[in-house]
């Protein structure tokens, strides 16, 4: 099973609309977990702490395989 995190909106009719298309190669059934923002939470993702946004992006990259081997990272550090 593969996990993907996206933001979206639920309208008054209870219909979910996500903010961006999913990168899928074929139609398939999915399981959806909805996390509602509470009043005391941040309402707009743009207002989130940059560290949280960075972690979320890193998690998304890891989940989708968008990573760089550690050996390449060391090569870049040693080149400087």
PDB file of N, CA and C in Angstrom:
ATOM      1  N   UNK A   1       0.842  -1.174   0.000  1.00  0.00           N
ATOM      2  CA  UNK A   1       0.000   0.000   0.000  1.00  0.00           C
ATOM      3  C   UNK A   1       0.890   1.242   0.000  1.00  0.00           C
ATOM      4  N   UNK A   2       0.477   2.241  -0.731  1.00  0.00           N
ATOM      5  CA  UNK A   2       1.223   3.494  -0.851  1.00  0.00           C
ATOM      6  C   UNK A   2       0.421   4.610  -0.209  1.00  0.00           C
ATOM      7  N   UNK A   3       1.076   5.488   0.540  1.00  0.00           N
ATOM      8  CA  UNK A   3       0.400   6.621   1.177  1.00  0.00           C
ATOM      9  C   UNK A   3       0.764   7.911   0.454  1.00  0.00           C
ATOM     10  N   UNK A   4      -0.215   8.771   0.271  1.00  0.00           N
ATOM     11  CA  UNK A   4      -0.015  10.083  -0.335  1.00  0.00           C
ATOM     12  C   UNK A   4      -0.773  11.091   0.517  1.00  0.00           C
ATOM     13  N   UNK A   5      -0.119  12.191   0.868  1.00  0.00           N
ATOM     14  CA  UNK A   5      -0.790  13.235   1.638  1.00  0.00           C
ATOM     15  C   UNK A   5      -1.075  14.421   0.732  1.00  0.00           C
ATOM     16  N   UNK A   6      -2.325  14.838   0.700  1.00  0.00           N
ATOM     17  CA  UNK A   6      -2.730  16.017  -0.061  1.00  0.00           C
ATOM     18  C   UNK A   6      -3.699  16.836   0.788  1.00  0.00           C
ATOM     19  N   UNK A   7      -3.785  18.111   0.489  1.00  0.00           N
ATOM     20  CA  UNK A   7      -4.745  18.977   1.169  1.00  0.00           C
ATOM     21  C   UNK A   7      -5.984  19.101   0.295  1.00  0.00           C
ATOM     22  N   UNK A   8      -7.085  19.434   0.909  1.00  0.00           N
ATOM     23  CA  UNK A   8      -8.320  19.583   0.159  1.00  0.00           C
ATOM     24  C   UNK A   8      -9.372  20.291   0.975  1.00  0.00           C
ATOM     25  N   UNK A   9     -10.565  20.300   0.432  1.00  0.00           N
ATOM     26  CA  UNK A   9     -11.688  20.983   1.057  1.00  0.00           C
ATOM     27  C   UNK A   9     -12.917  20.088   0.993  1.00  0.00           C
ATOM     28  N   UNK A  10     -13.693  20.085   2.075  1.00  0.00           N
ATOM     29  CA  UNK A  10     -14.984  19.410   2.086  1.00  0.00           C
ATOM     30  C   UNK A  10     -16.049  20.499   2.033  1.00  0.00           C
ATOM     31  N   UNK A  11     -16.938  20.418   1.041  1.00  0.00           N
ATOM     32  CA  UNK A  11     -17.970  21.452   0.915  1.00  0.00           C
ATOM     33  C   UNK A  11     -19.179  21.134   1.789  1.00  0.00           C
ATOM     34  N   UNK A  12     -20.182  21.993   1.734  1.00  0.00           N
ATOM     35  CA  UNK A  12     -21.366  21.841   2.575  1.00  0.00           C
ATOM     36  C   UNK A  12     -22.140  20.565   2.289  1.00  0.00           C
ATOM     37  N   UNK A  13     -21.978  20.000   1.090  1.00  0.00           N
ATOM     38  CA  UNK A  13     -22.653  18.758   0.735  1.00  0.00           C
ATOM     39  C   UNK A  13     -21.838  17.526   1.139  1.00  0.00           C
ATOM     40  N   UNK A  14     -20.681  17.748   1.781  1.00  0.00           N
ATOM     41  CA  UNK A  14     -19.840  16.639   2.218  1.00  0.00           C
ATOM     42  C   UNK A  14     -18.962  16.058   1.126  1.00  0.00           C
ATOM     43  N   UNK A  15     -18.815  16.761   0.014  1.00  0.00           N
ATOM     44  CA  UNK A  15     -17.983  16.283  -1.082  1.00  0.00           C
ATOM     45  C   UNK A  15     -16.558  16.779  -0.912  1.00  0.00           C
ATOM     46  N   UNK A  16     -15.610  15.893  -1.131  1.00  0.00           N
ATOM     47  CA  UNK A  16     -14.194  16.202  -0.979  1.00  0.00           C
ATOM     48  C   UNK A  16     -13.596  16.629  -2.306  1.00  0.00           C
ATOM     49  N   UNK A  17     -12.847  17.726  -2.284  1.00  0.00           N
ATOM     50  CA  UNK A  17     -12.120  18.205  -3.453  1.00  0.00           C
ATOM     51  C   UNK A  17     -10.679  18.405  -3.028  1.00  0.00           C
ATOM     52  N   UNK A  18      -9.720  17.719  -3.693  1.00  0.00           N
ATOM     53  CA  UNK A  18      -8.315  17.884  -3.321  1.00  0.00           C
ATOM     54  C   UNK A  18      -7.698  19.015  -4.141  1.00  0.00           C
ATOM     55  N   UNK A  19      -6.639  19.617  -3.592  1.00  0.00           N
ATOM     56  CA  UNK A  19      -6.035  20.814  -4.182  1.00  0.00           C
ATOM     57  C   UNK A  19      -5.219  20.552  -5.438  1.00  0.00           C
ATOM     58  N   UNK A  20      -4.790  19.318  -5.636  1.00  0.00           N
ATOM     59  CA  UNK A  20      -3.973  19.016  -6.809  1.00  0.00           C
ATOM     60  C   UNK A  20      -4.280  17.607  -7.286  1.00  0.00           C
ATOM     61  N   UNK A  21      -4.091  17.338  -8.578  1.00  0.00           N
ATOM     62  CA  UNK A  21      -4.340  15.984  -9.088  1.00  0.00           C
ATOM     63  C   UNK A  21      -3.344  14.983  -8.506  1.00  0.00           C
ATOM     64  N   UNK A  22      -3.762  13.756  -8.381  1.00  0.00           N
ATOM     65  CA  UNK A  22      -2.876  12.691  -7.919  1.00  0.00           C
ATOM     66  C   UNK A  22      -2.103  12.127  -9.106  1.00  0.00           C
ATOM     67  N   UNK A  23      -0.843  11.797  -8.878  1.00  0.00           N
ATOM     68  CA  UNK A  23      -0.014  11.207  -9.930  1.00  0.00           C
ATOM     69  C   UNK A  23      -0.250   9.692  -9.932  1.00  0.00           C
ATOM     70  N   UNK A  24      -1.231   9.257 -10.692  1.00  0.00           N
ATOM     71  CA  UNK A  24      -1.561   7.832 -10.768  1.00  0.00           C
ATOM     72  C   UNK A  24      -1.465   7.372 -12.208  1.00  0.00           C
ATOM     73  N   UNK A  25      -1.182   6.080 -12.388  1.00  0.00           N
ATOM     74  CA  UNK A  25      -1.062   5.538 -13.733  1.00  0.00           C
ATOM     75  C   UNK A  25      -2.291   4.755 -14.164  1.00  0.00           C
ATOM     76  N   UNK A  26      -3.145   4.416 -13.194  1.00  0.00           N
ATOM     77  CA  UNK A  26      -4.374   3.700 -13.530  1.00  0.00           C
ATOM     78  C   UNK A  26      -5.421   3.974 -12.457  1.00  0.00           C
ATOM     79  N   UNK A  27      -6.669   3.856 -12.834  1.00  0.00           N
ATOM     80  CA  UNK A  27      -7.755   4.050 -11.882  1.00  0.00           C
ATOM     81  C   UNK A  27      -7.752   2.913 -10.869  1.00  0.00           C
ATOM     82  N   UNK A  28      -8.026   3.235  -9.622  1.00  0.00           N
ATOM     83  CA  UNK A  28      -8.073   2.202  -8.588  1.00  0.00           C
ATOM     84  C   UNK A  28      -8.885   2.695  -7.399  1.00  0.00           C
ATOM     85  N   UNK A  29      -9.313   1.774  -6.564  1.00  0.00           N
ATOM     86  CA  UNK A  29     -10.002   2.120  -5.326  1.00  0.00           C
ATOM     87  C   UNK A  29      -8.969   2.639  -4.344  1.00  0.00           C
ATOM     88  N   UNK A  30      -9.381   3.531  -3.448  1.00  0.00           N
ATOM     89  CA  UNK A  30      -8.489   4.101  -2.452  1.00  0.00           C
ATOM     90  C   UNK A  30      -9.170   4.085  -1.093  1.00  0.00           C
ATOM     91  N   UNK A  31      -8.373   4.188  -0.052  1.00  0.00           N
ATOM     92  CA  UNK A  31      -8.866   4.403   1.304  1.00  0.00           C
ATOM     93  C   UNK A  31      -8.552   5.837   1.658  1.00  0.00           C
ATOM     94  N   UNK A  32      -9.488   6.537   2.246  1.00  0.00           N
ATOM     95  CA  UNK A  32      -9.324   7.946   2.548  1.00  0.00           C
ATOM     96  C   UNK A  32      -9.488   8.166   4.046  1.00  0.00           C
ATOM     97  N   UNK A  33      -8.546   8.864   4.643  1.00  0.00           N
ATOM     98  CA  UNK A  33      -8.631   9.285   6.042  1.00  0.00           C
ATOM     99  C   UNK A  33      -8.702  10.800   6.027  1.00  0.00           C
ATOM    100  N   UNK A  34      -9.732  11.359   6.631  1.00  0.00           N
ATOM    101  CA  UNK A  34      -9.920  12.803   6.644  1.00  0.00           C
ATOM    102  C   UNK A  34      -9.533  13.346   8.012  1.00  0.00           C
ATOM    103  N   UNK A  35      -8.635  14.317   8.054  1.00  0.00           N
ATOM    104  CA  UNK A  35      -8.238  14.994   9.288  1.00  0.00           C
ATOM    105  C   UNK A  35      -8.788  16.409   9.233  1.00  0.00           C
ATOM    106  N   UNK A  36      -9.776  16.696  10.046  1.00  0.00           N
ATOM    107  CA  UNK A  36     -10.377  18.024  10.074  1.00  0.00           C
ATOM    108  C   UNK A  36      -9.539  18.950  10.938  1.00  0.00           C
ATOM    109  N   UNK A  37      -9.385  20.197  10.490  1.00  0.00           N
ATOM    110  CA  UNK A  37      -8.696  21.219  11.263  1.00  0.00           C
ATOM    111  C   UNK A  37      -9.621  21.690  12.366  1.00  0.00           C
ATOM    112  N   UNK A  38      -9.124  21.728  13.586  1.00  0.00           N
ATOM    113  CA  UNK A  38      -9.907  22.251  14.690  1.00  0.00           C
ATOM    114  C   UNK A  38      -9.755  23.763  14.736  1.00  0.00           C
ATOM    115  N   UNK A  39     -10.677  24.442  15.389  1.00  0.00           N
ATOM    116  CA  UNK A  39     -10.660  25.909  15.447  1.00  0.00           C
ATOM    117  C   UNK A  39      -9.337  26.455  15.954  1.00  0.00           C
ATOM    118  N   UNK A  40      -8.713  25.762  16.902  1.00  0.00           N
ATOM    119  CA  UNK A  40      -7.470  26.278  17.474  1.00  0.00           C
ATOM    120  C   UNK A  40      -6.260  25.997  16.592  1.00  0.00           C
ATOM    121  N   UNK A  41      -6.419  25.153  15.572  1.00  0.00           N
ATOM    122  CA  UNK A  41      -5.321  24.830  14.664  1.00  0.00           C
ATOM    123  C   UNK A  41      -5.183  25.909  13.595  1.00  0.00           C
ATOM    124  N   UNK A  42      -4.070  25.877  12.906  1.00  0.00           N
ATOM    125  CA  UNK A  42      -3.833  26.806  11.799  1.00  0.00           C
ATOM    126  C   UNK A  42      -4.801  26.479  10.672  1.00  0.00           C
ATOM    127  N   UNK A  43      -5.475  27.475  10.144  1.00  0.00           N
ATOM    128  CA  UNK A  43      -6.473  27.262   9.101  1.00  0.00           C
ATOM    129  C   UNK A  43      -5.858  27.201   7.701  1.00  0.00           C
ATOM    130  N   UNK A  44      -4.777  27.897   7.479  1.00  0.00           N
ATOM    131  CA  UNK A  44      -4.197  27.995   6.152  1.00  0.00           C
ATOM    132  C   UNK A  44      -2.807  27.369   6.159  1.00  0.00           C
ATOM    133  N   UNK A  45      -2.556  26.458   5.230  1.00  0.00           N
ATOM    134  CA  UNK A  45      -1.263  25.779   5.181  1.00  0.00           C
ATOM    135  C   UNK A  45      -0.105  26.756   5.020  1.00  0.00           C
ATOM    136  N   UNK A  46      -0.344  27.911   4.375  1.00  0.00           N
ATOM    137  CA  UNK A  46       0.708  28.910   4.193  1.00  0.00           C
ATOM    138  C   UNK A  46       1.168  29.490   5.528  1.00  0.00           C
ATOM    139  N   UNK A  47       0.350  29.379   6.579  1.00  0.00           N
ATOM    140  CA  UNK A  47       0.696  29.921   7.881  1.00  0.00           C
ATOM    141  C   UNK A  47       1.482  28.936   8.734  1.00  0.00           C
ATOM    142  N   UNK A  48       1.718  27.731   8.244  1.00  0.00           N
ATOM    143  CA  UNK A  48       2.426  26.732   9.022  1.00  0.00           C
ATOM    144  C   UNK A  48       3.889  27.109   9.209  1.00  0.00           C
ATOM    145  N   UNK A  49       4.449  26.623  10.289  1.00  0.00           N
ATOM    146  CA  UNK A  49       5.867  26.793  10.574  1.00  0.00           C
ATOM    147  C   UNK A  49       6.674  26.206   9.412  1.00  0.00           C
ATOM    148  N   UNK A  50       7.688  26.906   8.914  1.00  0.00           N
ATOM    149  CA  UNK A  50       8.494  26.383   7.802  1.00  0.00           C
ATOM    150  C   UNK A  50       9.094  25.010   8.097  1.00  0.00           C
ATOM    151  N   UNK A  51       9.414  24.726   9.351  1.00  0.00           N
ATOM    152  CA  UNK A  51       9.955  23.406   9.696  1.00  0.00           C
ATOM    153  C   UNK A  51       8.919  22.317   9.462  1.00  0.00           C
ATOM    154  N   UNK A  52       7.655  22.614   9.763  1.00  0.00           N
ATOM    155  CA  UNK A  52       6.589  21.632   9.544  1.00  0.00           C
ATOM    156  C   UNK A  52       6.376  21.420   8.054  1.00  0.00           C
ATOM    157  N   UNK A  53       6.356  22.501   7.295  1.00  0.00           N
ATOM    158  CA  UNK A  53       6.188  22.395   5.849  1.00  0.00           C
ATOM    159  C   UNK A  53       7.340  21.594   5.247  1.00  0.00           C
ATOM    160  N   UNK A  54       8.571  21.852   5.710  1.00  0.00           N
ATOM    161  CA  UNK A  54       9.739  21.113   5.218  1.00  0.00           C
ATOM    162  C   UNK A  54       9.655  19.636   5.546  1.00  0.00           C
ATOM    163  N   UNK A  55       9.212  19.322   6.761  1.00  0.00           N
ATOM    164  CA  UNK A  55       9.045  17.918   7.144  1.00  0.00           C
ATOM    165  C   UNK A  55       7.995  17.251   6.276  1.00  0.00           C
ATOM    166  N   UNK A  56       6.868  17.936   6.050  1.00  0.00           N
ATOM    167  CA  UNK A  56       5.813  17.363   5.222  1.00  0.00           C
ATOM    168  C   UNK A  56       6.315  17.089   3.807  1.00  0.00           C
ATOM    169  N   UNK A  57       7.100  18.023   3.247  1.00  0.00           N
ATOM    170  CA  UNK A  57       7.638  17.821   1.905  1.00  0.00           C
ATOM    171  C   UNK A  57       8.615  16.655   1.884  1.00  0.00           C
ATOM    172  N   UNK A  58       9.463  16.572   2.918  1.00  0.00           N
ATOM    173  CA  UNK A  58      10.412  15.454   3.004  1.00  0.00           C
ATOM    174  C   UNK A  58       9.705  14.120   3.120  1.00  0.00           C
ATOM    175  N   UNK A  59       8.643  14.091   3.920  1.00  0.00           N
ATOM    176  CA  UNK A  59       7.855  12.854   4.074  1.00  0.00           C
ATOM    177  C   UNK A  59       7.228  12.456   2.739  1.00  0.00           C
ATOM    178  N   UNK A  60       6.660  13.437   2.032  1.00  0.00           N
ATOM    179  CA  UNK A  60       6.061  13.171   0.730  1.00  0.00           C
ATOM    180  C   UNK A  60       7.111  12.635  -0.239  1.00  0.00           C
ATOM    181  N   UNK A  61       8.302  13.249  -0.253  1.00  0.00           N
ATOM    182  CA  UNK A  61       9.380  12.771  -1.120  1.00  0.00           C
ATOM    183  C   UNK A  61       9.765  11.340  -0.777  1.00  0.00           C
ATOM    184  N   UNK A  62       9.882  11.041   0.506  1.00  0.00           N
ATOM    185  CA  UNK A  62      10.249   9.683   0.927  1.00  0.00           C
ATOM    186  C   UNK A  62       9.183   8.676   0.527  1.00  0.00           C
ATOM    187  N   UNK A  63       7.917   9.035   0.678  1.00  0.00           N
ATOM    188  CA  UNK A  63       6.827   8.119   0.362  1.00  0.00           C
ATOM    189  C   UNK A  63       6.707   7.859  -1.134  1.00  0.00           C
ATOM    190  N   UNK A  64       7.116   8.823  -1.959  1.00  0.00           N
ATOM    191  CA  UNK A  64       7.012   8.655  -3.406  1.00  0.00           C
ATOM    192  C   UNK A  64       8.324   8.191  -4.038  1.00  0.00           C
ATOM    193  N   UNK A  65       9.351   7.972  -3.210  1.00  0.00           N
ATOM    194  CA  UNK A  65      10.633   7.502  -3.741  1.00  0.00           C
ATOM    195  C   UNK A  65      11.480   8.595  -4.356  1.00  0.00           C
ATOM    196  N   UNK A  66      11.136   9.837  -4.137  1.00  0.00           N
ATOM    197  CA  UNK A  66      11.893  10.966  -4.670  1.00  0.00           C
ATOM    198  C   UNK A  66      13.039  11.275  -3.707  1.00  0.00           C
ATOM    199  N   UNK A  67      14.048  10.413  -3.711  1.00  0.00           N
ATOM    200  CA  UNK A  67      15.161  10.521  -2.767  1.00  0.00           C
ATOM    201  C   UNK A  67      16.493  10.473  -3.501  1.00  0.00           C
ATOM    202  N   UNK A  68      17.550  10.834  -2.796  1.00  0.00           N
ATOM    203  CA  UNK A  68      18.916  10.790  -3.327  1.00  0.00           C
ATOM    204  C   UNK A  68      19.714   9.828  -2.461  1.00  0.00           C
ATOM    205  N   UNK A  69      20.471   8.903  -3.068  1.00  0.00           N
ATOM    206  CA  UNK A  69      21.289   7.992  -2.270  1.00  0.00           C
ATOM    207  C   UNK A  69      22.283   8.759  -1.389  1.00  0.00           C
ATOM    208  N   UNK A  70      22.542   8.250  -0.199  1.00  0.00           N
ATOM    209  CA  UNK A  70      23.453   8.901   0.749  1.00  0.00           C
ATOM    210  C   UNK A  70      24.837   9.095   0.142  1.00  0.00           C
ATOM    211  N   UNK A  71      25.296   8.156  -0.663  1.00  0.00           N
ATOM    212  CA  UNK A  71      26.625   8.286  -1.273  1.00  0.00           C
ATOM    213  C   UNK A  71      26.721   9.540  -2.139  1.00  0.00           C
ATOM    214  N   UNK A  72      25.640   9.885  -2.832  1.00  0.00           N
ATOM    215  CA  UNK A  72      25.653  11.116  -3.639  1.00  0.00           C
ATOM    216  C   UNK A  72      25.704  12.352  -2.741  1.00  0.00           C
ATOM    217  N   UNK A  73      25.023  12.297  -1.612  1.00  0.00           N
ATOM    218  CA  UNK A  73      25.070  13.426  -0.683  1.00  0.00           C
ATOM    219  C   UNK A  73      26.490  13.633  -0.164  1.00  0.00           C
ATOM    220  N   UNK A  74      27.169  12.530   0.217  1.00  0.00           N
ATOM    221  CA  UNK A  74      28.534  12.620   0.696  1.00  0.00           C
ATOM    222  C   UNK A  74      29.452  13.157  -0.397  1.00  0.00           C
ATOM    223  N   UNK A  75      29.253  12.713  -1.641  1.00  0.00           N
ATOM    224  CA  UNK A  75      30.062  13.217  -2.747  1.00  0.00           C
ATOM    225  C   UNK A  75      29.907  14.722  -2.901  1.00  0.00           C
ATOM    226  N   UNK A  76      28.695  15.224  -2.754  1.00  0.00           N
ATOM    227  CA  UNK A  76      28.447  16.661  -2.863  1.00  0.00           C
ATOM    228  C   UNK A  76      29.123  17.412  -1.720  1.00  0.00           C
ATOM    229  N   UNK A  77      29.067  16.859  -0.514  1.00  0.00           N
ATOM    230  CA  UNK A  77      29.716  17.511   0.630  1.00  0.00           C
ATOM    231  C   UNK A  77      31.236  17.535   0.471  1.00  0.00           C
ATOM    232  N   UNK A  78      31.803  16.444   0.002  1.00  0.00           N
ATOM    233  CA  UNK A  78      33.252  16.354  -0.171  1.00  0.00           C
ATOM    234  C   UNK A  78      33.756  17.221  -1.301  1.00  0.00           C
ATOM    235  N   UNK A  79      32.901  17.540  -2.270  1.00  0.00           N
ATOM    236  CA  UNK A  79      33.301  18.358  -3.422  1.00  0.00           C
ATOM    237  C   UNK A  79      33.502  19.817  -3.007  1.00  0.00           C
ATOM    238  N   UNK A  80      32.852  20.243  -1.919  1.00  0.00           N
ATOM    239  CA  UNK A  80      32.958  21.639  -1.489  1.00  0.00           C
ATOM    240  C   UNK A  80      34.195  21.857  -0.746  1.00  0.00           C
TER     241      UNK A  80
END
